[in-house]
Amino acid sequence: MTGIDHESASAVDHAAHWLAGLAEYQLPTDPIAVVRSRFGLTMAQAIEAIAQSKLERNERMVTLNLIQQLSKVERILENRGITPNMADIDALPIFNPLTLRGCAVAIRIALDHLREKEAQQ
């Protein structure tokens, strides 16, 4: 990748991150024109930035949804007097509560633990 290619890729990434960070009501009505003028991108680069921003926004929404689900599972466990086996979660090298997989793993472990406790009762 040449220096110019790297700079344009960086500008596309920067534009995508900027767009993804906007609230829904702040999104421009003509995002291509806004991104092109604000970041000096070509039409193709602006389209790429918009596509990347949509992926980033979707991933953020899925992550927030999983964190909310994890919080609900934790409340259910607390209400039933069950302490999740955090050693199981902490022992997993892939567990990071800020990642999609980390949230999914934590929810699965918590639900498995809940099922085990309910089966014992």
PDB file of N, CA and C in Angstrom:
ATOM      1  N   MET A   1       0.851  -1.172   0.000  1.00  0.00           N
ATOM      2  CA  MET A   1       0.000   0.000   0.000  1.00  0.00           C
ATOM      3  C   MET A   1       0.894   1.231   0.000  1.00  0.00           C
ATOM      4  N   THR A   2       0.627   2.129  -0.899  1.00  0.00           N
ATOM      5  CA  THR A   2       1.434   3.342  -0.964  1.00  0.00           C
ATOM      6  C   THR A   2       0.982   4.316   0.121  1.00  0.00           C
ATOM      7  N   GLY A   3       1.773   5.380   0.320  1.00  0.00           N
ATOM      8  CA  GLY A   3       1.419   6.381   1.315  1.00  0.00           C
ATOM      9  C   GLY A   3       0.072   7.018   1.034  1.00  0.00           C
ATOM     10  N   ILE A   4      -0.217   7.265  -0.238  1.00  0.00           N
ATOM     11  CA  ILE A   4      -1.490   7.881  -0.609  1.00  0.00           C
ATOM     12  C   ILE A   4      -2.640   6.919  -0.332  1.00  0.00           C
ATOM     13  N   ASP A   5      -2.462   5.630  -0.677  1.00  0.00           N
ATOM     14  CA  ASP A   5      -3.495   4.633  -0.411  1.00  0.00           C
ATOM     15  C   ASP A   5      -3.764   4.546   1.085  1.00  0.00           C
ATOM     16  N   HIS A   6      -2.701   4.554   1.865  1.00  0.00           N
ATOM     17  CA  HIS A   6      -2.835   4.454   3.313  1.00  0.00           C
ATOM     18  C   HIS A   6      -3.579   5.669   3.865  1.00  0.00           C
ATOM     19  N   GLU A   7      -3.257   6.850   3.344  1.00  0.00           N
ATOM     20  CA  GLU A   7      -3.930   8.062   3.800  1.00  0.00           C
ATOM     21  C   GLU A   7      -5.413   8.032   3.456  1.00  0.00           C
ATOM     22  N   SER A   8      -5.749   7.562   2.249  1.00  0.00           N
ATOM     23  CA  SER A   8      -7.164   7.529   1.861  1.00  0.00           C
ATOM     24  C   SER A   8      -7.915   6.485   2.674  1.00  0.00           C
ATOM     25  N   ALA A   9      -7.272   5.343   2.945  1.00  0.00           N
ATOM     26  CA  ALA A   9      -7.907   4.317   3.769  1.00  0.00           C
ATOM     27  C   ALA A   9      -8.145   4.859   5.174  1.00  0.00           C
ATOM     28  N   SER A  10      -7.178   5.615   5.680  1.00  0.00           N
ATOM     29  CA  SER A  10      -7.329   6.210   6.994  1.00  0.00           C
ATOM     30  C   SER A  10      -8.474   7.223   6.997  1.00  0.00           C
ATOM     31  N   ALA A  11      -8.599   8.010   5.938  1.00  0.00           N
ATOM     32  CA  ALA A  11      -9.683   8.988   5.841  1.00  0.00           C
ATOM     33  C   ALA A  11     -11.037   8.293   5.770  1.00  0.00           C
ATOM     34  N   VAL A  12     -11.120   7.178   5.056  1.00  0.00           N
ATOM     35  CA  VAL A  12     -12.363   6.403   4.973  1.00  0.00           C
ATOM     36  C   VAL A  12     -12.722   5.872   6.362  1.00  0.00           C
ATOM     37  N   ASP A  13     -11.731   5.308   7.058  1.00  0.00           N
ATOM     38  CA  ASP A  13     -11.972   4.796   8.410  1.00  0.00           C
ATOM     39  C   ASP A  13     -12.414   5.913   9.355  1.00  0.00           C
ATOM     40  N   HIS A  14     -11.758   7.056   9.234  1.00  0.00           N
ATOM     41  CA  HIS A  14     -12.090   8.198  10.086  1.00  0.00           C
ATOM     42  C   HIS A  14     -13.520   8.673   9.808  1.00  0.00           C
ATOM     43  N   ALA A  15     -13.878   8.749   8.545  1.00  0.00           N
ATOM     44  CA  ALA A  15     -15.232   9.163   8.165  1.00  0.00           C
ATOM     45  C   ALA A  15     -16.270   8.157   8.659  1.00  0.00           C
ATOM     46  N   ALA A  16     -15.952   6.881   8.522  1.00  0.00           N
ATOM     47  CA  ALA A  16     -16.876   5.831   8.970  1.00  0.00           C
ATOM     48  C   ALA A  16     -17.086   5.921  10.477  1.00  0.00           C
ATOM     49  N   HIS A  17     -16.003   6.107  11.207  1.00  0.00           N
ATOM     50  CA  HIS A  17     -16.097   6.202  12.667  1.00  0.00           C
ATOM     51  C   HIS A  17     -16.906   7.444  13.067  1.00  0.00           C
ATOM     52  N   TRP A  18     -16.679   8.555  12.370  1.00  0.00           N
ATOM     53  CA  TRP A  18     -17.424   9.780  12.661  1.00  0.00           C
ATOM     54  C   TRP A  18     -18.922   9.574  12.438  1.00  0.00           C
ATOM     55  N   LEU A  19     -19.270   8.992  11.298  1.00  0.00           N
ATOM     56  CA  LEU A  19     -20.684   8.743  10.988  1.00  0.00           C
ATOM     57  C   LEU A  19     -21.321   7.795  11.994  1.00  0.00           C
ATOM     58  N   ALA A  20     -20.602   6.743  12.353  1.00  0.00           N
ATOM     59  CA  ALA A  20     -21.135   5.755  13.285  1.00  0.00           C
ATOM     60  C   ALA A  20     -21.369   6.359  14.663  1.00  0.00           C
ATOM     61  N   GLY A  21     -20.603   7.377  14.998  1.00  0.00           N
ATOM     62  CA  GLY A  21     -20.727   8.006  16.300  1.00  0.00           C
ATOM     63  C   GLY A  21     -21.866   9.004  16.408  1.00  0.00           C
ATOM     64  N   LEU A  22     -22.483   9.344  15.291  1.00  0.00           N
ATOM     65  CA  LEU A  22     -23.592  10.301  15.315  1.00  0.00           C
ATOM     66  C   LEU A  22     -24.863   9.633  15.820  1.00  0.00           C
ATOM     67  N   ALA A  23     -25.654  10.394  16.556  1.00  0.00           N
ATOM     68  CA  ALA A  23     -26.972   9.907  16.952  1.00  0.00           C
ATOM     69  C   ALA A  23     -27.851   9.836  15.709  1.00  0.00           C
ATOM     70  N   GLU A  24     -28.888   9.036  15.790  1.00  0.00           N
ATOM     71  CA  GLU A  24     -29.778   8.832  14.629  1.00  0.00           C
ATOM     72  C   GLU A  24     -30.294  10.165  14.080  1.00  0.00           C
ATOM     73  N   TYR A  25     -30.681  11.063  14.955  1.00  0.00           N
ATOM     74  CA  TYR A  25     -31.238  12.344  14.504  1.00  0.00           C
ATOM     75  C   TYR A  25     -30.165  13.272  13.918  1.00  0.00           C
ATOM     76  N   GLN A  26     -28.885  12.972  14.153  1.00  0.00           N
ATOM     77  CA  GLN A  26     -27.804  13.801  13.641  1.00  0.00           C
ATOM     78  C   GLN A  26     -27.311  13.357  12.264  1.00  0.00           C
ATOM     79  N   LEU A  27     -27.756  12.207  11.811  1.00  0.00           N
ATOM     80  CA  LEU A  27     -27.283  11.695  10.521  1.00  0.00           C
ATOM     81  C   LEU A  27     -27.697  12.642   9.404  1.00  0.00           C
ATOM     82  N   PRO A  28     -26.754  12.957   8.510  1.00  0.00           N
ATOM     83  CA  PRO A  28     -27.078  13.883   7.414  1.00  0.00           C
ATOM     84  C   PRO A  28     -28.070  13.266   6.442  1.00  0.00           C
ATOM     85  N   THR A  29     -28.899  14.124   5.838  1.00  0.00           N
ATOM     86  CA  THR A  29     -29.870  13.632   4.862  1.00  0.00           C
ATOM     87  C   THR A  29     -29.181  13.196   3.574  1.00  0.00           C
ATOM     88  N   ASP A  30     -28.053  13.804   3.269  1.00  0.00           N
ATOM     89  CA  ASP A  30     -27.252  13.419   2.101  1.00  0.00           C
ATOM     90  C   ASP A  30     -25.850  13.048   2.593  1.00  0.00           C
ATOM     91  N   PRO A  31     -25.691  11.832   3.143  1.00  0.00           N
ATOM     92  CA  PRO A  31     -24.412  11.477   3.756  1.00  0.00           C
ATOM     93  C   PRO A  31     -23.242  11.445   2.779  1.00  0.00           C
ATOM     94  N   ILE A  32     -23.505  11.109   1.534  1.00  0.00           N
ATOM     95  CA  ILE A  32     -22.410  11.058   0.553  1.00  0.00           C
ATOM     96  C   ILE A  32     -21.795  12.444   0.381  1.00  0.00           C
ATOM     97  N   ALA A  33     -22.635  13.439   0.174  1.00  0.00           N
ATOM     98  CA  ALA A  33     -22.124  14.804  -0.016  1.00  0.00           C
ATOM     99  C   ALA A  33     -21.408  15.314   1.230  1.00  0.00           C
ATOM    100  N   VAL A  34     -21.983  15.052   2.389  1.00  0.00           N
ATOM    101  CA  VAL A  34     -21.383  15.523   3.643  1.00  0.00           C
ATOM    102  C   VAL A  34     -20.029  14.859   3.878  1.00  0.00           C
ATOM    103  N   VAL A  35     -19.958  13.559   3.714  1.00  0.00           N
ATOM    104  CA  VAL A  35     -18.707  12.826   3.943  1.00  0.00           C
ATOM    105  C   VAL A  35     -17.650  13.245   2.918  1.00  0.00           C
ATOM    106  N   ARG A  36     -18.073  13.416   1.672  1.00  0.00           N
ATOM    107  CA  ARG A  36     -17.119  13.832   0.634  1.00  0.00           C
ATOM    108  C   ARG A  36     -16.520  15.197   0.972  1.00  0.00           C
ATOM    109  N   SER A  37     -17.354  16.147   1.345  1.00  0.00           N
ATOM    110  CA  SER A  37     -16.832  17.496   1.605  1.00  0.00           C
ATOM    111  C   SER A  37     -16.081  17.567   2.928  1.00  0.00           C
ATOM    112  N   ARG A  38     -16.564  16.887   3.937  1.00  0.00           N
ATOM    113  CA  ARG A  38     -15.935  16.968   5.264  1.00  0.00           C
ATOM    114  C   ARG A  38     -14.581  16.263   5.307  1.00  0.00           C
ATOM    115  N   PHE A  39     -14.463  15.131   4.594  1.00  0.00           N
ATOM    116  CA  PHE A  39     -13.240  14.325   4.667  1.00  0.00           C
ATOM    117  C   PHE A  39     -12.456  14.290   3.357  1.00  0.00           C
ATOM    118  N   GLY A  40     -12.920  14.989   2.324  1.00  0.00           N
ATOM    119  CA  GLY A  40     -12.210  15.037   1.050  1.00  0.00           C
ATOM    120  C   GLY A  40     -12.127  13.693   0.351  1.00  0.00           C
ATOM    121  N   LEU A  41     -13.215  12.937   0.396  1.00  0.00           N
ATOM    122  CA  LEU A  41     -13.228  11.598  -0.192  1.00  0.00           C
ATOM    123  C   LEU A  41     -13.835  11.614  -1.593  1.00  0.00           C
ATOM    124  N   THR A  42     -13.482  10.588  -2.352  1.00  0.00           N
ATOM    125  CA  THR A  42     -14.123  10.377  -3.644  1.00  0.00           C
ATOM    126  C   THR A  42     -15.507   9.782  -3.388  1.00  0.00           C
ATOM    127  N   MET A  43     -16.303   9.685  -4.436  1.00  0.00           N
ATOM    128  CA  MET A  43     -17.636   9.093  -4.314  1.00  0.00           C
ATOM    129  C   MET A  43     -17.542   7.654  -3.800  1.00  0.00           C
ATOM    130  N   ALA A  44     -16.635   6.875  -4.385  1.00  0.00           N
ATOM    131  CA  ALA A  44     -16.477   5.473  -3.967  1.00  0.00           C
ATOM    132  C   ALA A  44     -16.028   5.378  -2.513  1.00  0.00           C
ATOM    133  N   GLN A  45     -15.097   6.240  -2.113  1.00  0.00           N
ATOM    134  CA  GLN A  45     -14.629   6.222  -0.725  1.00  0.00           C
ATOM    135  C   GLN A  45     -15.749   6.620   0.237  1.00  0.00           C
ATOM    136  N   ALA A  46     -16.555   7.591  -0.149  1.00  0.00           N
ATOM    137  CA  ALA A  46     -17.669   8.018   0.699  1.00  0.00           C
ATOM    138  C   ALA A  46     -18.661   6.881   0.888  1.00  0.00           C
ATOM    139  N   ILE A  47     -18.946   6.176  -0.185  1.00  0.00           N
ATOM    140  CA  ILE A  47     -19.861   5.028  -0.107  1.00  0.00           C
ATOM    141  C   ILE A  47     -19.269   3.947   0.791  1.00  0.00           C
ATOM    142  N   GLU A  48     -17.982   3.701   0.654  1.00  0.00           N
ATOM    143  CA  GLU A  48     -17.312   2.719   1.509  1.00  0.00           C
ATOM    144  C   GLU A  48     -17.389   3.148   2.978  1.00  0.00           C
ATOM    145  N   ALA A  49     -17.167   4.427   3.249  1.00  0.00           N
ATOM    146  CA  ALA A  49     -17.228   4.935   4.624  1.00  0.00           C
ATOM    147  C   ALA A  49     -18.628   4.775   5.209  1.00  0.00           C
ATOM    148  N   ILE A  50     -19.645   5.045   4.396  1.00  0.00           N
ATOM    149  CA  ILE A  50     -21.027   4.905   4.854  1.00  0.00           C
ATOM    150  C   ILE A  50     -21.337   3.441   5.163  1.00  0.00           C
ATOM    151  N   ALA A  51     -20.894   2.542   4.302  1.00  0.00           N
ATOM    152  CA  ALA A  51     -21.107   1.107   4.538  1.00  0.00           C
ATOM    153  C   ALA A  51     -20.402   0.659   5.820  1.00  0.00           C
ATOM    154  N   GLN A  52     -19.161   1.097   6.006  1.00  0.00           N
ATOM    155  CA  GLN A  52     -18.424   0.742   7.222  1.00  0.00           C
ATOM    156  C   GLN A  52     -19.122   1.290   8.457  1.00  0.00           C
ATOM    157  N   SER A  53     -19.644   2.508   8.361  1.00  0.00           N
ATOM    158  CA  SER A  53     -20.309   3.109   9.522  1.00  0.00           C
ATOM    159  C   SER A  53     -21.560   2.328   9.900  1.00  0.00           C
ATOM    160  N   LYS A  54     -22.263   1.830   8.892  1.00  0.00           N
ATOM    161  CA  LYS A  54     -23.463   1.034   9.179  1.00  0.00           C
ATOM    162  C   LYS A  54     -23.089  -0.269   9.878  1.00  0.00           C
ATOM    163  N   LEU A  55     -22.005  -0.891   9.442  1.00  0.00           N
ATOM    164  CA  LEU A  55     -21.541  -2.109  10.117  1.00  0.00           C
ATOM    165  C   LEU A  55     -21.154  -1.814  11.565  1.00  0.00           C
ATOM    166  N   GLU A  56     -20.447  -0.705  11.762  1.00  0.00           N
ATOM    167  CA  GLU A  56     -20.022  -0.329  13.114  1.00  0.00           C
ATOM    168  C   GLU A  56     -21.234  -0.037  14.000  1.00  0.00           C
ATOM    169  N   ARG A  57     -22.220   0.665  13.465  1.00  0.00           N
ATOM    170  CA  ARG A  57     -23.436   0.966  14.239  1.00  0.00           C
ATOM    171  C   ARG A  57     -24.177  -0.319  14.590  1.00  0.00           C
ATOM    172  N   ASN A  58     -24.282  -1.238  13.625  1.00  0.00           N
ATOM    173  CA  ASN A  58     -24.964  -2.507  13.877  1.00  0.00           C
ATOM    174  C   ASN A  58     -24.241  -3.311  14.944  1.00  0.00           C
ATOM    175  N   GLU A  59     -22.919  -3.367  14.861  1.00  0.00           N
ATOM    176  CA  GLU A  59     -22.155  -4.115  15.853  1.00  0.00           C
ATOM    177  C   GLU A  59     -22.334  -3.503  17.243  1.00  0.00           C
ATOM    178  N   ARG A  60     -22.342  -2.181  17.302  1.00  0.00           N
ATOM    179  CA  ARG A  60     -22.542  -1.499  18.579  1.00  0.00           C
ATOM    180  C   ARG A  60     -23.910  -1.845  19.163  1.00  0.00           C
ATOM    181  N   MET A  61     -24.946  -1.884  18.314  1.00  0.00           N
ATOM    182  CA  MET A  61     -26.295  -2.207  18.781  1.00  0.00           C
ATOM    183  C   MET A  61     -26.380  -3.648  19.272  1.00  0.00           C
ATOM    184  N   VAL A  62     -25.757  -4.557  18.558  1.00  0.00           N
ATOM    185  CA  VAL A  62     -25.756  -5.959  18.981  1.00  0.00           C
ATOM    186  C   VAL A  62     -25.022  -6.105  20.314  1.00  0.00           C
ATOM    187  N   THR A  63     -23.901  -5.410  20.459  1.00  0.00           N
ATOM    188  CA  THR A  63     -23.148  -5.462  21.710  1.00  0.00           C
ATOM    189  C   THR A  63     -23.989  -4.931  22.864  1.00  0.00           C
ATOM    190  N   LEU A  64     -24.649  -3.798  22.663  1.00  0.00           N
ATOM    191  CA  LEU A  64     -25.493  -3.237  23.716  1.00  0.00           C
ATOM    192  C   LEU A  64     -26.627  -4.186  24.070  1.00  0.00           C
ATOM    193  N   ASN A  65     -27.211  -4.824  23.068  1.00  0.00           N
ATOM    194  CA  ASN A  65     -28.282  -5.787  23.303  1.00  0.00           C
ATOM    195  C   ASN A  65     -27.778  -6.961  24.141  1.00  0.00           C
ATOM    196  N   LEU A  66     -26.609  -7.483  23.805  1.00  0.00           N
ATOM    197  CA  LEU A  66     -26.059  -8.597  24.571  1.00  0.00           C
ATOM    198  C   LEU A  66     -25.729  -8.189  26.007  1.00  0.00           C
ATOM    199  N   ILE A  67     -25.214  -6.992  26.191  1.00  0.00           N
ATOM    200  CA  ILE A  67     -24.914  -6.519  27.547  1.00  0.00           C
ATOM    201  C   ILE A  67     -26.205  -6.390  28.345  1.00  0.00           C
ATOM    202  N   GLN A  68     -27.274  -5.888  27.716  1.00  0.00           N
ATOM    203  CA  GLN A  68     -28.565  -5.801  28.397  1.00  0.00           C
ATOM    204  C   GLN A  68     -29.081  -7.186  28.772  1.00  0.00           C
ATOM    205  N   GLN A  69     -28.928  -8.150  27.862  1.00  0.00           N
ATOM    206  CA  GLN A  69     -29.350  -9.515  28.160  1.00  0.00           C
ATOM    207  C   GLN A  69     -28.551 -10.091  29.320  1.00  0.00           C
ATOM    208  N   LEU A  70     -27.251  -9.831  29.320  1.00  0.00           N
ATOM    209  CA  LEU A  70     -26.408 -10.321  30.402  1.00  0.00           C
ATOM    210  C   LEU A  70     -26.839  -9.714  31.735  1.00  0.00           C
ATOM    211  N   SER A  71     -27.168  -8.429  31.733  1.00  0.00           N
ATOM    212  CA  SER A  71     -27.636  -7.774  32.954  1.00  0.00           C
ATOM    213  C   SER A  71     -28.932  -8.408  33.445  1.00  0.00           C
ATOM    214  N   LYS A  72     -29.843  -8.723  32.533  1.00  0.00           N
ATOM    215  CA  LYS A  72     -31.100  -9.367  32.919  1.00  0.00           C
ATOM    216  C   LYS A  72     -30.841 -10.737  33.535  1.00  0.00           C
ATOM    217  N   VAL A  73     -29.942 -11.502  32.924  1.00  0.00           N
ATOM    218  CA  VAL A  73     -29.609 -12.830  33.457  1.00  0.00           C
ATOM    219  C   VAL A  73     -29.014 -12.690  34.849  1.00  0.00           C
ATOM    220  N   GLU A  74     -28.122 -11.719  35.035  1.00  0.00           N
ATOM    221  CA  GLU A  74     -27.520 -11.511  36.356  1.00  0.00           C
ATOM    222  C   GLU A  74     -28.588 -11.163  37.395  1.00  0.00           C
ATOM    223  N   ARG A  75     -29.558 -10.317  37.027  1.00  0.00           N
ATOM    224  CA  ARG A  75     -30.635  -9.957  37.967  1.00  0.00           C
ATOM    225  C   ARG A  75     -31.487 -11.174  38.304  1.00  0.00           C
ATOM    226  N   ILE A  76     -31.798 -12.001  37.312  1.00  0.00           N
ATOM    227  CA  ILE A  76     -32.588 -13.210  37.550  1.00  0.00           C
ATOM    228  C   ILE A  76     -31.848 -14.116  38.526  1.00  0.00           C
ATOM    229  N   LEU A  77     -30.545 -14.298  38.295  1.00  0.00           N
ATOM    230  CA  LEU A  77     -29.759 -15.145  39.185  1.00  0.00           C
ATOM    231  C   LEU A  77     -29.733 -14.573  40.605  1.00  0.00           C
ATOM    232  N   GLU A  78     -29.534 -13.256  40.720  1.00  0.00           N
ATOM    233  CA  GLU A  78     -29.505 -12.619  42.038  1.00  0.00           C
ATOM    234  C   GLU A  78     -30.846 -12.770  42.747  1.00  0.00           C
ATOM    235  N   ASN A  79     -31.950 -12.589  42.024  1.00  0.00           N
ATOM    236  CA  ASN A  79     -33.293 -12.713  42.617  1.00  0.00           C
ATOM    237  C   ASN A  79     -33.561 -14.123  43.113  1.00  0.00           C
ATOM    238  N   ARG A  80     -32.930 -15.092  42.510  1.00  0.00           N
ATOM    239  CA  ARG A  80     -33.120 -16.492  42.923  1.00  0.00           C
ATOM    240  C   ARG A  80     -32.045 -16.931  43.915  1.00  0.00           C
ATOM    241  N   GLY A  81     -31.207 -16.004  44.309  1.00  0.00           N
ATOM    242  CA  GLY A  81     -30.169 -16.314  45.289  1.00  0.00           C
ATOM    243  C   GLY A  81     -29.049 -17.179  44.748  1.00  0.00           C
ATOM    244  N   ILE A  82     -28.834 -17.121  43.442  1.00  0.00           N
ATOM    245  CA  ILE A  82     -27.790 -17.936  42.817  1.00  0.00           C
ATOM    246  C   ILE A  82     -26.631 -17.029  42.441  1.00  0.00           C
ATOM    247  N   THR A  83     -25.454 -17.408  42.887  1.00  0.00           N
ATOM    248  CA  THR A  83     -24.256 -16.661  42.520  1.00  0.00           C
ATOM    249  C   THR A  83     -23.636 -17.342  41.313  1.00  0.00           C
ATOM    250  N   PRO A  84     -23.510 -16.625  40.188  1.00  0.00           N
ATOM    251  CA  PRO A  84     -22.894 -17.251  39.011  1.00  0.00           C
ATOM    252  C   PRO A  84     -21.470 -17.712  39.326  1.00  0.00           C
ATOM    253  N   ASN A  85     -21.094 -18.785  38.716  1.00  0.00           N
ATOM    254  CA  ASN A  85     -19.751 -19.311  38.909  1.00  0.00           C
ATOM    255  C   ASN A  85     -18.788 -18.507  38.048  1.00  0.00           C
ATOM    256  N   MET A  86     -18.306 -17.394  38.610  1.00  0.00           N
ATOM    257  CA  MET A  86     -17.448 -16.495  37.852  1.00  0.00           C
ATOM    258  C   MET A  86     -16.104 -17.139  37.520  1.00  0.00           C
ATOM    259  N   ALA A  87     -15.699 -18.141  38.293  1.00  0.00           N
ATOM    260  CA  ALA A  87     -14.431 -18.812  37.993  1.00  0.00           C
ATOM    261  C   ALA A  87     -14.488 -19.447  36.611  1.00  0.00           C
ATOM    262  N   ASP A  88     -15.667 -19.977  36.245  1.00  0.00           N
ATOM    263  CA  ASP A  88     -15.827 -20.560  34.908  1.00  0.00           C
ATOM    264  C   ASP A  88     -15.618 -19.507  33.833  1.00  0.00           C
ATOM    265  N   ILE A  89     -16.196 -18.328  34.064  1.00  0.00           N
ATOM    266  CA  ILE A  89     -16.096 -17.256  33.081  1.00  0.00           C
ATOM    267  C   ILE A  89     -14.677 -16.716  33.021  1.00  0.00           C
ATOM    268  N   ASP A  90     -14.093 -16.443  34.199  1.00  0.00           N
ATOM    269  CA  ASP A  90     -12.747 -15.874  34.242  1.00  0.00           C
ATOM    270  C   ASP A  90     -11.699 -16.807  33.658  1.00  0.00           C
ATOM    271  N   ALA A  91     -11.957 -18.120  33.707  1.00  0.00           N
ATOM    272  CA  ALA A  91     -10.984 -19.091  33.209  1.00  0.00           C
ATOM    273  C   ALA A  91     -10.936 -19.123  31.685  1.00  0.00           C
ATOM    274  N   LEU A  92     -11.948 -18.558  31.049  1.00  0.00           N
ATOM    275  CA  LEU A  92     -11.977 -18.574  29.593  1.00  0.00           C
ATOM    276  C   LEU A  92     -11.088 -17.465  29.043  1.00  0.00           C
ATOM    277  N   PRO A  93     -10.081 -17.807  28.253  1.00  0.00           N
ATOM    278  CA  PRO A  93      -9.188 -16.765  27.740  1.00  0.00           C
ATOM    279  C   PRO A  93      -9.872 -15.805  26.777  1.00  0.00           C
ATOM    280  N   ILE A  94     -10.981 -16.220  26.186  1.00  0.00           N
ATOM    281  CA  ILE A  94     -11.649 -15.358  25.206  1.00  0.00           C
ATOM    282  C   ILE A  94     -12.644 -14.432  25.879  1.00  0.00           C
ATOM    283  N   PHE A  95     -12.866 -14.558  27.188  1.00  0.00           N
ATOM    284  CA  PHE A  95     -13.891 -13.737  27.820  1.00  0.00           C
ATOM    285  C   PHE A  95     -13.429 -12.303  28.004  1.00  0.00           C
ATOM    286  N   ASN A  96     -14.191 -11.418  27.436  1.00  0.00           N
ATOM    287  CA  ASN A  96     -14.022  -9.982  27.621  1.00  0.00           C
ATOM    288  C   ASN A  96     -15.430  -9.422  27.549  1.00  0.00           C
ATOM    289  N   PRO A  97     -15.938  -8.832  28.623  1.00  0.00           N
ATOM    290  CA  PRO A  97     -17.339  -8.406  28.626  1.00  0.00           C
ATOM    291  C   PRO A  97     -17.665  -7.355  27.572  1.00  0.00           C
ATOM    292  N   LEU A  98     -16.655  -6.760  26.945  1.00  0.00           N
ATOM    293  CA  LEU A  98     -16.924  -5.742  25.946  1.00  0.00           C
ATOM    294  C   LEU A  98     -16.964  -6.301  24.535  1.00  0.00           C
ATOM    295  N   THR A  99     -16.799  -7.610  24.392  1.00  0.00           N
ATOM    296  CA  THR A  99     -16.871  -8.208  23.063  1.00  0.00           C
ATOM    297  C   THR A  99     -18.171  -8.975  22.914  1.00  0.00           C
ATOM    298  N   LEU A 100     -18.600  -9.145  21.686  1.00  0.00           N
ATOM    299  CA  LEU A 100     -19.816  -9.909  21.425  1.00  0.00           C
ATOM    300  C   LEU A 100     -19.680 -11.329  21.952  1.00  0.00           C
ATOM    301  N   ARG A 101     -18.548 -11.939  21.656  1.00  0.00           N
ATOM    302  CA  ARG A 101     -18.358 -13.323  22.086  1.00  0.00           C
ATOM    303  C   ARG A 101     -18.296 -13.407  23.604  1.00  0.00           C
ATOM    304  N   GLY A 102     -17.667 -12.423  24.234  1.00  0.00           N
ATOM    305  CA  GLY A 102     -17.577 -12.417  25.693  1.00  0.00           C
ATOM    306  C   GLY A 102     -18.953 -12.353  26.331  1.00  0.00           C
ATOM    307  N   CYS A 103     -19.814 -11.500  25.810  1.00  0.00           N
ATOM    308  CA  CYS A 103     -21.176 -11.400  26.338  1.00  0.00           C
ATOM    309  C   CYS A 103     -21.943 -12.693  26.106  1.00  0.00           C
ATOM    310  N   ALA A 104     -21.820 -13.242  24.918  1.00  0.00           N
ATOM    311  CA  ALA A 104     -22.527 -14.482  24.602  1.00  0.00           C
ATOM    312  C   ALA A 104     -22.054 -15.625  25.496  1.00  0.00           C
ATOM    313  N   VAL A 105     -20.764 -15.708  25.723  1.00  0.00           N
ATOM    314  CA  VAL A 105     -20.219 -16.758  26.586  1.00  0.00           C
ATOM    315  C   VAL A 105     -20.732 -16.588  28.011  1.00  0.00           C
ATOM    316  N   ALA A 106     -20.715 -15.355  28.518  1.00  0.00           N
ATOM    317  CA  ALA A 106     -21.179 -15.098  29.880  1.00  0.00           C
ATOM    318  C   ALA A 106     -22.654 -15.448  30.033  1.00  0.00           C
ATOM    319  N   ILE A 107     -23.480 -15.095  29.037  1.00  0.00           N
ATOM    320  CA  ILE A 107     -24.903 -15.427  29.097  1.00  0.00           C
ATOM    321  C   ILE A 107     -25.089 -16.938  29.084  1.00  0.00           C
ATOM    322  N   ARG A 108     -24.368 -17.633  28.204  1.00  0.00           N
ATOM    323  CA  ARG A 108     -24.501 -19.094  28.128  1.00  0.00           C
ATOM    324  C   ARG A 108     -24.112 -19.755  29.439  1.00  0.00           C
ATOM    325  N   ILE A 109     -22.991 -19.328  30.027  1.00  0.00           N
ATOM    326  CA  ILE A 109     -22.534 -19.918  31.282  1.00  0.00           C
ATOM    327  C   ILE A 109     -23.532 -19.639  32.398  1.00  0.00           C
ATOM    328  N   ALA A 110     -24.035 -18.401  32.453  1.00  0.00           N
ATOM    329  CA  ALA A 110     -24.994 -18.051  33.496  1.00  0.00           C
ATOM    330  C   ALA A 110     -26.275 -18.869  33.352  1.00  0.00           C
ATOM    331  N   LEU A 111     -26.767 -19.022  32.128  1.00  0.00           N
ATOM    332  CA  LEU A 111     -27.991 -19.802  31.916  1.00  0.00           C
ATOM    333  C   LEU A 111     -27.757 -21.283  32.222  1.00  0.00           C
ATOM    334  N   ASP A 112     -26.610 -21.827  31.839  1.00  0.00           N
ATOM    335  CA  ASP A 112     -26.279 -23.222  32.180  1.00  0.00           C
ATOM    336  C   ASP A 112     -26.248 -23.407  33.688  1.00  0.00           C
ATOM    337  N   HIS A 113     -25.668 -22.443  34.376  1.00  0.00           N
ATOM    338  CA  HIS A 113     -25.576 -22.506  35.837  1.00  0.00           C
ATOM    339  C   HIS A 113     -26.980 -22.461  36.448  1.00  0.00           C
ATOM    340  N   LEU A 114     -27.837 -21.612  35.916  1.00  0.00           N
ATOM    341  CA  LEU A 114     -29.211 -21.506  36.394  1.00  0.00           C
ATOM    342  C   LEU A 114     -29.948 -22.821  36.184  1.00  0.00           C
ATOM    343  N   ARG A 115     -29.792 -23.424  35.024  1.00  0.00           N
ATOM    344  CA  ARG A 115     -30.458 -24.707  34.741  1.00  0.00           C
ATOM    345  C   ARG A 115     -29.972 -25.801  35.688  1.00  0.00           C
ATOM    346  N   GLU A 116     -28.668 -25.816  35.963  1.00  0.00           N
ATOM    347  CA  GLU A 116     -28.127 -26.808  36.895  1.00  0.00           C
ATOM    348  C   GLU A 116     -28.724 -26.634  38.286  1.00  0.00           C
ATOM    349  N   LYS A 117     -28.795 -25.393  38.755  1.00  0.00           N
ATOM    350  CA  LYS A 117     -29.344 -25.126  40.089  1.00  0.00           C
ATOM    351  C   LYS A 117     -30.821 -25.500  40.164  1.00  0.00           C
ATOM    352  N   GLU A 118     -31.578 -25.171  39.106  1.00  0.00           N
ATOM    353  CA  GLU A 118     -32.996 -25.508  39.107  1.00  0.00           C
ATOM    354  C   GLU A 118     -33.216 -27.016  39.037  1.00  0.00           C
ATOM    355  N   ALA A 119     -32.354 -27.724  38.336  1.00  0.00           N
ATOM    356  CA  ALA A 119     -32.465 -29.179  38.241  1.00  0.00           C
ATOM    357  C   ALA A 119     -32.175 -29.833  39.590  1.00  0.00           C
ATOM    358  N   GLN A 120     -31.291 -29.242  40.374  1.00  0.00           N
ATOM    359  CA  GLN A 120     -30.941 -29.787  41.684  1.00  0.00           C
ATOM    360  C   GLN A 120     -32.062 -29.581  42.708  1.00  0.00           C
ATOM    361  N   GLN A 121     -32.918 -28.572  42.472  1.00  0.00           N
ATOM    362  CA  GLN A 121     -33.978 -28.263  43.452  1.00  0.00           C
ATOM    363  C   GLN A 121     -35.203 -29.078  43.261  1.00  0.00           C
TER     364      GLN A 121
END
